[in-house]
């Protein structure tokens, strides 16, 4: 088996990393991590349960929210085994195939979540622009087809990653800087020209995250223009208040994701700690905060949660 400094043979495993040079406190970091994973799993499954069992919440906004909750759960479950394995049991080794499979699921689910956030911006635009035809435009069959397109898009775009990485020999240091695998980092460990991976990864980032975030920005420009044309100040505030939860979800998702991608591509050794921090924020904060934000801001959802606990 290859070690971290083996430069003669192909490595058999990658070594995941928690907090470098602080392995003695990993067990103490694992306690809040377990707590966070428990909260985000209960929060997202709770959202799904309430939306499914309450017919009054079978509206486009809440159906899109359930799609977001499913995606967040998928991202959390994908990274939870390796992250907790590193911090709880100091289990750092991950085989190449397991690493490639994990990064495929992480990237495909990230692209799916980006599509869901874009559709939620479209949902808010339709609800404000044409409220009387809102439910007739966003019908259940139409949203089901949109969900299928999101899944196909995410899977198709991330599908080449494992095969592009499998072509290479990995004979450099096999230590990753996260407790999970991502394409931008794994490809740098290859002993070959990674130009194809670099170009493809950048193209996918621009055509998914870049394009989706641009369309979300455009939709909110149009929303603000419509809202500003409303004469009543109360109606203006009420319309904008329905967008707050989605704006929070967009910022929580895109900010660390874009920052982490830029650091992987253009960062240096001085940005290592920022890279680790953004890595945890990217995969833990959005699934944790999205249920909380929507539960606080959505009166209907909040009342159903209170009613459930009161019962």
C-alpha atoms as a PDB file:
ATOM      1  CA  UNK A   1       0.000   0.000   0.000  1.00  0.00           C
ATOM      2  CA  UNK A   2       1.231   3.424  -0.874  1.00  0.00           C
ATOM      3  CA  UNK A   3       2.094   6.003   1.762  1.00  0.00           C
ATOM      4  CA  UNK A   4       1.663   9.759   1.616  1.00  0.00           C
ATOM      5  CA  UNK A   5       5.126  10.342   0.114  1.00  0.00           C
ATOM      6  CA  UNK A   6       5.236   7.372  -2.245  1.00  0.00           C
ATOM      7  CA  UNK A   7       6.204   8.651  -5.685  1.00  0.00           C
ATOM      8  CA  UNK A   8       6.930   5.342  -7.428  1.00  0.00           C
ATOM      9  CA  UNK A   9       3.669   3.422  -7.441  1.00  0.00           C
ATOM     10  CA  UNK A  10       0.019   4.169  -7.762  1.00  0.00           C
ATOM     11  CA  UNK A  11      -1.694   4.956  -4.446  1.00  0.00           C
ATOM     12  CA  UNK A  12      -4.378   2.530  -3.268  1.00  0.00           C
ATOM     13  CA  UNK A  13      -6.151   4.956  -0.907  1.00  0.00           C
ATOM     14  CA  UNK A  14      -6.607   8.632  -0.215  1.00  0.00           C
ATOM     15  CA  UNK A  15      -6.215  10.002   3.298  1.00  0.00           C
ATOM     16  CA  UNK A  16      -8.992  12.289   4.499  1.00  0.00           C
ATOM     17  CA  UNK A  17      -8.242  15.146   6.876  1.00  0.00           C
ATOM     18  CA  UNK A  18     -10.189  16.660   9.738  1.00  0.00           C
ATOM     19  CA  UNK A  19      -8.416  19.562  11.450  1.00  0.00           C
ATOM     20  CA  UNK A  20      -4.692  19.228  10.632  1.00  0.00           C
ATOM     21  CA  UNK A  21      -2.292  19.145  13.596  1.00  0.00           C
ATOM     22  CA  UNK A  22      -5.228  19.067  16.028  1.00  0.00           C
ATOM     23  CA  UNK A  23      -6.079  15.368  15.939  1.00  0.00           C
ATOM     24  CA  UNK A  24      -6.108  15.258  19.760  1.00  0.00           C
ATOM     25  CA  UNK A  25      -9.280  17.407  19.870  1.00  0.00           C
ATOM     26  CA  UNK A  26     -11.100  15.572  17.084  1.00  0.00           C
ATOM     27  CA  UNK A  27     -13.303  13.726  19.549  1.00  0.00           C
ATOM     28  CA  UNK A  28     -14.463  17.037  21.052  1.00  0.00           C
ATOM     29  CA  UNK A  29     -15.204  18.435  17.589  1.00  0.00           C
ATOM     30  CA  UNK A  30     -17.152  15.251  16.817  1.00  0.00           C
ATOM     31  CA  UNK A  31     -19.691  16.034  19.572  1.00  0.00           C
ATOM     32  CA  UNK A  32     -21.055  19.265  17.984  1.00  0.00           C
ATOM     33  CA  UNK A  33     -20.783  17.626  14.543  1.00  0.00           C
ATOM     34  CA  UNK A  34     -23.032  14.753  15.676  1.00  0.00           C
ATOM     35  CA  UNK A  35     -25.408  17.318  17.172  1.00  0.00           C
ATOM     36  CA  UNK A  36     -25.499  19.306  13.908  1.00  0.00           C
ATOM     37  CA  UNK A  37     -26.096  16.194  11.792  1.00  0.00           C
ATOM     38  CA  UNK A  38     -28.908  15.098  14.134  1.00  0.00           C
ATOM     39  CA  UNK A  39     -30.603  18.523  13.956  1.00  0.00           C
ATOM     40  CA  UNK A  40     -30.348  18.858  10.178  1.00  0.00           C
ATOM     41  CA  UNK A  41     -31.643  15.328   9.589  1.00  0.00           C
ATOM     42  CA  UNK A  42     -34.572  15.837  11.977  1.00  0.00           C
ATOM     43  CA  UNK A  43     -35.256  19.316  10.583  1.00  0.00           C
ATOM     44  CA  UNK A  44     -35.371  18.267   6.936  1.00  0.00           C
ATOM     45  CA  UNK A  45     -37.283  15.027   7.559  1.00  0.00           C
ATOM     46  CA  UNK A  46     -39.692  17.001   9.744  1.00  0.00           C
ATOM     47  CA  UNK A  47     -40.294  19.488   6.920  1.00  0.00           C
ATOM     48  CA  UNK A  48     -40.943  16.609   4.508  1.00  0.00           C
ATOM     49  CA  UNK A  49     -43.316  14.885   6.941  1.00  0.00           C
ATOM     50  CA  UNK A  50     -45.362  18.025   7.621  1.00  0.00           C
ATOM     51  CA  UNK A  51     -45.653  18.970   3.928  1.00  0.00           C
ATOM     52  CA  UNK A  52     -46.635  15.403   2.956  1.00  0.00           C
ATOM     53  CA  UNK A  53     -49.263  14.936   5.668  1.00  0.00           C
ATOM     54  CA  UNK A  54     -50.880  18.398   5.474  1.00  0.00           C
ATOM     55  CA  UNK A  55     -52.957  18.882   2.275  1.00  0.00           C
ATOM     56  CA  UNK A  56     -53.081  22.653   2.830  1.00  0.00           C
ATOM     57  CA  UNK A  57     -49.310  22.767   2.208  1.00  0.00           C
ATOM     58  CA  UNK A  58     -49.510  21.012  -1.162  1.00  0.00           C
ATOM     59  CA  UNK A  59     -48.719  24.292  -2.912  1.00  0.00           C
ATOM     60  CA  UNK A  60     -45.865  25.016  -5.367  1.00  0.00           C
ATOM     61  CA  UNK A  61     -43.750  26.888  -2.803  1.00  0.00           C
ATOM     62  CA  UNK A  62     -43.838  24.004  -0.302  1.00  0.00           C
ATOM     63  CA  UNK A  63     -43.327  21.338  -2.962  1.00  0.00           C
ATOM     64  CA  UNK A  64     -40.157  23.111  -4.058  1.00  0.00           C
ATOM     65  CA  UNK A  65     -39.181  23.356  -0.392  1.00  0.00           C
ATOM     66  CA  UNK A  66     -39.586  19.588  -0.053  1.00  0.00           C
ATOM     67  CA  UNK A  67     -37.284  19.137  -3.090  1.00  0.00           C
ATOM     68  CA  UNK A  68     -34.723  21.345  -1.353  1.00  0.00           C
ATOM     69  CA  UNK A  69     -35.043  19.309   1.865  1.00  0.00           C
ATOM     70  CA  UNK A  70     -34.521  16.019  -0.022  1.00  0.00           C
ATOM     71  CA  UNK A  71     -31.395  17.400  -1.706  1.00  0.00           C
ATOM     72  CA  UNK A  72     -30.012  18.708   1.588  1.00  0.00           C
ATOM     73  CA  UNK A  73     -30.597  15.318   3.200  1.00  0.00           C
ATOM     74  CA  UNK A  74     -28.799  13.608   0.323  1.00  0.00           C
ATOM     75  CA  UNK A  75     -25.768  15.903   0.647  1.00  0.00           C
ATOM     76  CA  UNK A  76     -25.612  15.378   4.413  1.00  0.00           C
ATOM     77  CA  UNK A  77     -25.926  11.589   4.224  1.00  0.00           C
ATOM     78  CA  UNK A  78     -23.250  11.453   1.501  1.00  0.00           C
ATOM     79  CA  UNK A  79     -20.614  13.187   3.641  1.00  0.00           C
ATOM     80  CA  UNK A  80     -21.665  12.078   7.135  1.00  0.00           C
ATOM     81  CA  UNK A  81     -19.969   8.615   7.175  1.00  0.00           C
ATOM     82  CA  UNK A  82     -16.501   9.871   6.229  1.00  0.00           C
ATOM     83  CA  UNK A  83     -16.706  13.072   8.288  1.00  0.00           C
ATOM     84  CA  UNK A  84     -17.780  11.314  11.477  1.00  0.00           C
ATOM     85  CA  UNK A  85     -15.363   8.466  10.719  1.00  0.00           C
ATOM     86  CA  UNK A  86     -12.451  10.922  10.690  1.00  0.00           C
ATOM     87  CA  UNK A  87     -13.461  12.787  13.848  1.00  0.00           C
ATOM     88  CA  UNK A  88     -14.862   9.909  15.908  1.00  0.00           C
ATOM     89  CA  UNK A  89     -12.676   6.938  14.939  1.00  0.00           C
ATOM     90  CA  UNK A  90      -9.654   8.568  13.209  1.00  0.00           C
ATOM     91  CA  UNK A  91     -10.587   6.504  10.142  1.00  0.00           C
ATOM     92  CA  UNK A  92      -8.877   8.497   7.403  1.00  0.00           C
ATOM     93  CA  UNK A  93      -8.455   5.987   4.588  1.00  0.00           C
ATOM     94  CA  UNK A  94     -10.859   5.934   1.666  1.00  0.00           C
ATOM     95  CA  UNK A  95     -10.383   3.802  -1.446  1.00  0.00           C
ATOM     96  CA  UNK A  96     -10.182   5.412  -4.860  1.00  0.00           C
ATOM     97  CA  UNK A  97     -13.511   3.974  -6.023  1.00  0.00           C
ATOM     98  CA  UNK A  98     -15.296   5.035  -2.826  1.00  0.00           C
ATOM     99  CA  UNK A  99     -13.799   8.519  -3.176  1.00  0.00           C
ATOM    100  CA  UNK A 100     -14.898   8.797  -6.813  1.00  0.00           C
ATOM    101  CA  UNK A 101     -18.413   7.620  -5.901  1.00  0.00           C
ATOM    102  CA  UNK A 102     -18.654  10.127  -3.060  1.00  0.00           C
ATOM    103  CA  UNK A 103     -17.544  13.087  -5.164  1.00  0.00           C
ATOM    104  CA  UNK A 104     -20.041  12.064  -7.874  1.00  0.00           C
ATOM    105  CA  UNK A 105     -22.917  12.225  -5.383  1.00  0.00           C
ATOM    106  CA  UNK A 106     -21.664  15.463  -3.810  1.00  0.00           C
ATOM    107  CA  UNK A 107     -21.382  17.259  -7.144  1.00  0.00           C
ATOM    108  CA  UNK A 108     -24.579  15.872  -8.681  1.00  0.00           C
ATOM    109  CA  UNK A 109     -26.615  16.785  -5.582  1.00  0.00           C
ATOM    110  CA  UNK A 110     -25.028  20.255  -5.546  1.00  0.00           C
ATOM    111  CA  UNK A 111     -26.081  20.819  -9.165  1.00  0.00           C
ATOM    112  CA  UNK A 112     -29.580  19.540  -8.353  1.00  0.00           C
ATOM    113  CA  UNK A 113     -29.822  21.946  -5.406  1.00  0.00           C
ATOM    114  CA  UNK A 114     -28.709  24.815  -7.625  1.00  0.00           C
ATOM    115  CA  UNK A 115     -31.539  23.930 -10.048  1.00  0.00           C
ATOM    116  CA  UNK A 116     -34.054  23.773  -7.198  1.00  0.00           C
ATOM    117  CA  UNK A 117     -33.003  27.209  -5.932  1.00  0.00           C
ATOM    118  CA  UNK A 118     -33.431  28.598  -9.464  1.00  0.00           C
ATOM    119  CA  UNK A 119     -36.923  27.086  -9.703  1.00  0.00           C
ATOM    120  CA  UNK A 120     -37.805  28.602  -6.320  1.00  0.00           C
ATOM    121  CA  UNK A 121     -36.819  32.031  -7.666  1.00  0.00           C
ATOM    122  CA  UNK A 122     -39.110  31.386 -10.655  1.00  0.00           C
ATOM    123  CA  UNK A 123     -41.839  30.348  -8.188  1.00  0.00           C
ATOM    124  CA  UNK A 124     -41.545  33.651  -6.311  1.00  0.00           C
ATOM    125  CA  UNK A 125     -41.579  35.596  -9.594  1.00  0.00           C
ATOM    126  CA  UNK A 126     -44.810  33.908 -10.740  1.00  0.00           C
ATOM    127  CA  UNK A 127     -46.446  34.283  -7.300  1.00  0.00           C
ATOM    128  CA  UNK A 128     -45.818  38.055  -7.282  1.00  0.00           C
ATOM    129  CA  UNK A 129     -46.348  38.757 -10.990  1.00  0.00           C
ATOM    130  CA  UNK A 130     -49.497  36.688 -11.551  1.00  0.00           C
ATOM    131  CA  UNK A 131     -50.916  35.472  -8.222  1.00  0.00           C
ATOM    132  CA  UNK A 132     -54.326  34.557  -9.678  1.00  0.00           C
ATOM    133  CA  UNK A 133     -52.790  32.072 -12.138  1.00  0.00           C
ATOM    134  CA  UNK A 134     -50.029  30.924  -9.758  1.00  0.00           C
ATOM    135  CA  UNK A 135     -51.382  27.420  -9.064  1.00  0.00           C
ATOM    136  CA  UNK A 136     -52.582  26.923 -12.642  1.00  0.00           C
ATOM    137  CA  UNK A 137     -49.085  27.666 -14.022  1.00  0.00           C
ATOM    138  CA  UNK A 138     -47.135  25.612 -11.464  1.00  0.00           C
ATOM    139  CA  UNK A 139     -49.260  22.464 -11.481  1.00  0.00           C
ATOM    140  CA  UNK A 140     -48.185  19.241  -9.741  1.00  0.00           C
ATOM    141  CA  UNK A 141     -47.414  17.354 -13.007  1.00  0.00           C
ATOM    142  CA  UNK A 142     -45.370  20.290 -14.278  1.00  0.00           C
ATOM    143  CA  UNK A 143     -43.350  20.472 -11.068  1.00  0.00           C
ATOM    144  CA  UNK A 144     -42.796  16.701 -11.154  1.00  0.00           C
ATOM    145  CA  UNK A 145     -41.331  17.050 -14.651  1.00  0.00           C
ATOM    146  CA  UNK A 146     -39.149  19.921 -13.438  1.00  0.00           C
ATOM    147  CA  UNK A 147     -37.872  17.710 -10.616  1.00  0.00           C
ATOM    148  CA  UNK A 148     -37.005  14.954 -13.100  1.00  0.00           C
ATOM    149  CA  UNK A 149     -35.122  17.452 -15.270  1.00  0.00           C
ATOM    150  CA  UNK A 150     -33.181  18.686 -12.220  1.00  0.00           C
ATOM    151  CA  UNK A 151     -32.103  15.136 -11.345  1.00  0.00           C
ATOM    152  CA  UNK A 152     -31.145  14.273 -14.935  1.00  0.00           C
ATOM    153  CA  UNK A 153     -29.190  17.511 -15.256  1.00  0.00           C
ATOM    154  CA  UNK A 154     -27.245  16.977 -12.036  1.00  0.00           C
ATOM    155  CA  UNK A 155     -26.465  13.319 -12.755  1.00  0.00           C
ATOM    156  CA  UNK A 156     -25.489  13.948 -16.389  1.00  0.00           C
ATOM    157  CA  UNK A 157     -23.114  16.808 -15.523  1.00  0.00           C
ATOM    158  CA  UNK A 158     -21.384  14.951 -12.653  1.00  0.00           C
ATOM    159  CA  UNK A 159     -21.324  11.545 -14.385  1.00  0.00           C
ATOM    160  CA  UNK A 160     -18.005  12.125 -16.267  1.00  0.00           C
ATOM    161  CA  UNK A 161     -16.080  13.070 -13.092  1.00  0.00           C
ATOM    162  CA  UNK A 162     -15.294   9.521 -11.833  1.00  0.00           C
ATOM    163  CA  UNK A 163     -14.310   8.321 -15.320  1.00  0.00           C
ATOM    164  CA  UNK A 164     -12.086  11.333 -15.971  1.00  0.00           C
ATOM    165  CA  UNK A 165     -10.324  10.751 -12.643  1.00  0.00           C
ATOM    166  CA  UNK A 166     -10.025   6.966 -13.106  1.00  0.00           C
ATOM    167  CA  UNK A 167      -7.762   7.493 -16.135  1.00  0.00           C
ATOM    168  CA  UNK A 168      -4.941   8.875 -13.998  1.00  0.00           C
ATOM    169  CA  UNK A 169      -2.269   7.366 -11.803  1.00  0.00           C
ATOM    170  CA  UNK A 170      -2.008   8.933  -8.343  1.00  0.00           C
ATOM    171  CA  UNK A 171       1.596   8.823  -7.221  1.00  0.00           C
ATOM    172  CA  UNK A 172       1.910  12.117  -5.360  1.00  0.00           C
ATOM    173  CA  UNK A 173       0.979  12.869  -1.769  1.00  0.00           C
ATOM    174  CA  UNK A 174      -2.414  11.238  -1.322  1.00  0.00           C
ATOM    175  CA  UNK A 175      -3.624  13.462   1.534  1.00  0.00           C
ATOM    176  CA  UNK A 176      -6.849  15.394   0.948  1.00  0.00           C
ATOM    177  CA  UNK A 177      -7.599  18.571   2.866  1.00  0.00           C
ATOM    178  CA  UNK A 178     -11.248  17.712   3.663  1.00  0.00           C
ATOM    179  CA  UNK A 179     -13.066  14.862   5.363  1.00  0.00           C
ATOM    180  CA  UNK A 180     -14.752  14.090   2.029  1.00  0.00           C
ATOM    181  CA  UNK A 181     -13.782  13.992  -1.671  1.00  0.00           C
ATOM    182  CA  UNK A 182     -14.360  16.737  -4.233  1.00  0.00           C
ATOM    183  CA  UNK A 183     -13.264  16.781  -7.869  1.00  0.00           C
ATOM    184  CA  UNK A 184     -11.197  19.991  -7.758  1.00  0.00           C
ATOM    185  CA  UNK A 185      -8.939  18.593  -5.062  1.00  0.00           C
ATOM    186  CA  UNK A 186      -8.636  14.954  -6.148  1.00  0.00           C
ATOM    187  CA  UNK A 187      -7.571  15.848  -9.698  1.00  0.00           C
ATOM    188  CA  UNK A 188      -4.581  17.816  -8.350  1.00  0.00           C
ATOM    189  CA  UNK A 189      -3.111  14.605  -6.921  1.00  0.00           C
ATOM    190  CA  UNK A 190      -2.838  12.955 -10.334  1.00  0.00           C
ATOM    191  CA  UNK A 191       0.587  12.392 -11.907  1.00  0.00           C
ATOM    192  CA  UNK A 192      -0.554  13.556 -15.332  1.00  0.00           C
ATOM    193  CA  UNK A 193      -1.774  16.511 -17.323  1.00  0.00           C
ATOM    194  CA  UNK A 194      -5.165  17.469 -15.848  1.00  0.00           C
ATOM    195  CA  UNK A 195      -6.060  20.111 -18.430  1.00  0.00           C
ATOM    196  CA  UNK A 196      -9.171  18.217 -19.566  1.00  0.00           C
ATOM    197  CA  UNK A 197     -10.478  17.935 -15.987  1.00  0.00           C
ATOM    198  CA  UNK A 198      -9.689  21.573 -15.338  1.00  0.00           C
ATOM    199  CA  UNK A 199     -11.527  22.789 -18.420  1.00  0.00           C
ATOM    200  CA  UNK A 200     -14.503  20.486 -17.883  1.00  0.00           C
ATOM    201  CA  UNK A 201     -14.815  21.394 -14.189  1.00  0.00           C
ATOM    202  CA  UNK A 202     -14.658  25.121 -14.954  1.00  0.00           C
ATOM    203  CA  UNK A 203     -17.182  24.747 -17.785  1.00  0.00           C
ATOM    204  CA  UNK A 204     -19.611  22.878 -15.521  1.00  0.00           C
ATOM    205  CA  UNK A 205     -19.191  25.423 -12.732  1.00  0.00           C
ATOM    206  CA  UNK A 206     -19.938  28.320 -15.098  1.00  0.00           C
ATOM    207  CA  UNK A 207     -22.839  26.574 -16.855  1.00  0.00           C
ATOM    208  CA  UNK A 208     -24.556  25.485 -13.630  1.00  0.00           C
ATOM    209  CA  UNK A 209     -23.682  27.591 -10.608  1.00  0.00           C
ATOM    210  CA  UNK A 210     -22.698  30.623 -12.677  1.00  0.00           C
ATOM    211  CA  UNK A 211     -25.730  30.524 -14.974  1.00  0.00           C
ATOM    212  CA  UNK A 212     -28.204  29.623 -12.218  1.00  0.00           C
ATOM    213  CA  UNK A 213     -27.004  32.381  -9.896  1.00  0.00           C
ATOM    214  CA  UNK A 214     -27.169  34.876 -12.782  1.00  0.00           C
ATOM    215  CA  UNK A 215     -30.761  33.849 -13.594  1.00  0.00           C
ATOM    216  CA  UNK A 216     -31.708  34.073  -9.904  1.00  0.00           C
ATOM    217  CA  UNK A 217     -30.266  37.594  -9.788  1.00  0.00           C
ATOM    218  CA  UNK A 218     -32.187  38.509 -12.940  1.00  0.00           C
ATOM    219  CA  UNK A 219     -35.434  37.140 -11.495  1.00  0.00           C
ATOM    220  CA  UNK A 220     -35.014  39.239  -8.351  1.00  0.00           C
ATOM    221  CA  UNK A 221     -34.273  42.358 -10.395  1.00  0.00           C
ATOM    222  CA  UNK A 222     -37.605  41.794 -12.150  1.00  0.00           C
ATOM    223  CA  UNK A 223     -39.334  41.062  -8.831  1.00  0.00           C
ATOM    224  CA  UNK A 224     -38.013  44.295  -7.287  1.00  0.00           C
ATOM    225  CA  UNK A 225     -39.125  46.282 -10.332  1.00  0.00           C
ATOM    226  CA  UNK A 226     -42.643  44.847 -10.042  1.00  0.00           C
ATOM    227  CA  UNK A 227     -42.783  45.390  -6.290  1.00  0.00           C
ATOM    228  CA  UNK A 228     -41.578  48.970  -6.546  1.00  0.00           C
ATOM    229  CA  UNK A 229     -44.430  49.717  -8.939  1.00  0.00           C
ATOM    230  CA  UNK A 230     -46.942  48.763  -6.240  1.00  0.00           C
ATOM    231  CA  UNK A 231     -48.422  51.911  -4.738  1.00  0.00           C
ATOM    232  CA  UNK A 232     -49.211  50.466  -1.313  1.00  0.00           C
ATOM    233  CA  UNK A 233     -46.228  50.278   1.026  1.00  0.00           C
ATOM    234  CA  UNK A 234     -47.842  47.443   3.014  1.00  0.00           C
ATOM    235  CA  UNK A 235     -48.334  45.334  -0.132  1.00  0.00           C
ATOM    236  CA  UNK A 236     -44.743  46.041  -1.168  1.00  0.00           C
ATOM    237  CA  UNK A 237     -43.377  44.849   2.178  1.00  0.00           C
ATOM    238  CA  UNK A 238     -45.646  41.793   2.173  1.00  0.00           C
ATOM    239  CA  UNK A 239     -44.498  40.778  -1.303  1.00  0.00           C
ATOM    240  CA  UNK A 240     -40.816  41.176  -0.454  1.00  0.00           C
ATOM    241  CA  UNK A 241     -41.269  39.285   2.816  1.00  0.00           C
ATOM    242  CA  UNK A 242     -42.199  36.133   0.874  1.00  0.00           C
ATOM    243  CA  UNK A 243     -38.748  36.220  -0.779  1.00  0.00           C
ATOM    244  CA  UNK A 244     -36.627  36.519   2.375  1.00  0.00           C
ATOM    245  CA  UNK A 245     -36.414  32.772   3.070  1.00  0.00           C
ATOM    246  CA  UNK A 246     -35.355  32.002  -0.488  1.00  0.00           C
ATOM    247  CA  UNK A 247     -32.748  34.781  -0.508  1.00  0.00           C
ATOM    248  CA  UNK A 248     -31.250  33.363   2.696  1.00  0.00           C
ATOM    249  CA  UNK A 249     -31.134  29.874   1.137  1.00  0.00           C
ATOM    250  CA  UNK A 250     -29.424  31.262  -1.988  1.00  0.00           C
ATOM    251  CA  UNK A 251     -26.762  33.120   0.007  1.00  0.00           C
ATOM    252  CA  UNK A 252     -26.145  30.143   2.326  1.00  0.00           C
ATOM    253  CA  UNK A 253     -25.626  27.817  -0.647  1.00  0.00           C
ATOM    254  CA  UNK A 254     -23.797  29.849  -3.285  1.00  0.00           C
ATOM    255  CA  UNK A 255     -21.426  31.901  -1.101  1.00  0.00           C
ATOM    256  CA  UNK A 256     -19.394  29.013   0.405  1.00  0.00           C
ATOM    257  CA  UNK A 257     -19.700  26.896  -2.771  1.00  0.00           C
ATOM    258  CA  UNK A 258     -18.252  29.572  -5.059  1.00  0.00           C
ATOM    259  CA  UNK A 259     -15.647  30.551  -2.448  1.00  0.00           C
ATOM    260  CA  UNK A 260     -14.505  26.942  -2.017  1.00  0.00           C
ATOM    261  CA  UNK A 261     -14.282  26.419  -5.783  1.00  0.00           C
ATOM    262  CA  UNK A 262     -12.177  29.575  -6.205  1.00  0.00           C
ATOM    263  CA  UNK A 263      -9.799  28.581  -3.386  1.00  0.00           C
ATOM    264  CA  UNK A 264      -9.328  25.080  -4.855  1.00  0.00           C
ATOM    265  CA  UNK A 265      -8.457  26.562  -8.243  1.00  0.00           C
ATOM    266  CA  UNK A 266      -6.517  29.690  -7.350  1.00  0.00           C
ATOM    267  CA  UNK A 267      -5.683  29.443  -3.633  1.00  0.00           C
ATOM    268  CA  UNK A 268      -2.270  28.940  -2.049  1.00  0.00           C
ATOM    269  CA  UNK A 269      -0.988  27.519   1.223  1.00  0.00           C
ATOM    270  CA  UNK A 270      -2.002  30.649   3.142  1.00  0.00           C
ATOM    271  CA  UNK A 271      -5.679  29.958   2.356  1.00  0.00           C
ATOM    272  CA  UNK A 272      -5.616  26.409   3.760  1.00  0.00           C
ATOM    273  CA  UNK A 273      -7.571  27.169   6.931  1.00  0.00           C
ATOM    274  CA  UNK A 274     -10.144  29.200   4.981  1.00  0.00           C
ATOM    275  CA  UNK A 275     -10.510  26.227   2.647  1.00  0.00           C
ATOM    276  CA  UNK A 276     -11.225  23.892   5.580  1.00  0.00           C
ATOM    277  CA  UNK A 277     -13.714  26.351   7.103  1.00  0.00           C
ATOM    278  CA  UNK A 278     -15.592  26.874   3.824  1.00  0.00           C
ATOM    279  CA  UNK A 279     -15.624  23.102   3.307  1.00  0.00           C
ATOM    280  CA  UNK A 280     -17.553  22.604   6.542  1.00  0.00           C
ATOM    281  CA  UNK A 281     -19.844  25.598   5.917  1.00  0.00           C
ATOM    282  CA  UNK A 282     -20.645  24.427   2.377  1.00  0.00           C
ATOM    283  CA  UNK A 283     -21.953  21.004   3.402  1.00  0.00           C
ATOM    284  CA  UNK A 284     -23.287  21.667   6.928  1.00  0.00           C
ATOM    285  CA  UNK A 285     -24.748  25.161   7.152  1.00  0.00           C
ATOM    286  CA  UNK A 286     -27.317  25.152   4.271  1.00  0.00           C
ATOM    287  CA  UNK A 287     -28.969  21.821   5.295  1.00  0.00           C
ATOM    288  CA  UNK A 288     -28.980  22.999   8.923  1.00  0.00           C
ATOM    289  CA  UNK A 289     -30.311  26.511   8.371  1.00  0.00           C
ATOM    290  CA  UNK A 290     -32.800  26.056   5.511  1.00  0.00           C
ATOM    291  CA  UNK A 291     -35.465  24.280   7.648  1.00  0.00           C
ATOM    292  CA  UNK A 292     -34.966  26.812  10.443  1.00  0.00           C
ATOM    293  CA  UNK A 293     -35.244  29.849   8.149  1.00  0.00           C
ATOM    294  CA  UNK A 294     -38.335  28.554   6.330  1.00  0.00           C
ATOM    295  CA  UNK A 295     -40.004  27.489   9.577  1.00  0.00           C
ATOM    296  CA  UNK A 296     -39.479  30.947  11.070  1.00  0.00           C
ATOM    297  CA  UNK A 297     -40.489  32.957   7.994  1.00  0.00           C
ATOM    298  CA  UNK A 298     -43.410  30.834   6.737  1.00  0.00           C
ATOM    299  CA  UNK A 299     -46.453  31.392   8.939  1.00  0.00           C
ATOM    300  CA  UNK A 300     -48.327  28.333   7.592  1.00  0.00           C
ATOM    301  CA  UNK A 301     -45.383  26.020   8.150  1.00  0.00           C
ATOM    302  CA  UNK A 302     -44.652  27.494  11.563  1.00  0.00           C
ATOM    303  CA  UNK A 303     -48.256  26.989  12.698  1.00  0.00           C
ATOM    304  CA  UNK A 304     -48.221  23.346  11.521  1.00  0.00           C
ATOM    305  CA  UNK A 305     -44.999  22.694  13.480  1.00  0.00           C
ATOM    306  CA  UNK A 306     -46.431  24.311  16.614  1.00  0.00           C
ATOM    307  CA  UNK A 307     -49.647  22.335  16.191  1.00  0.00           C
ATOM    308  CA  UNK A 308     -47.663  19.115  15.817  1.00  0.00           C
ATOM    309  CA  UNK A 309     -45.713  19.714  19.033  1.00  0.00           C
ATOM    310  CA  UNK A 310     -48.799  20.828  20.919  1.00  0.00           C
ATOM    311  CA  UNK A 311     -50.528  17.588  19.965  1.00  0.00           C
END
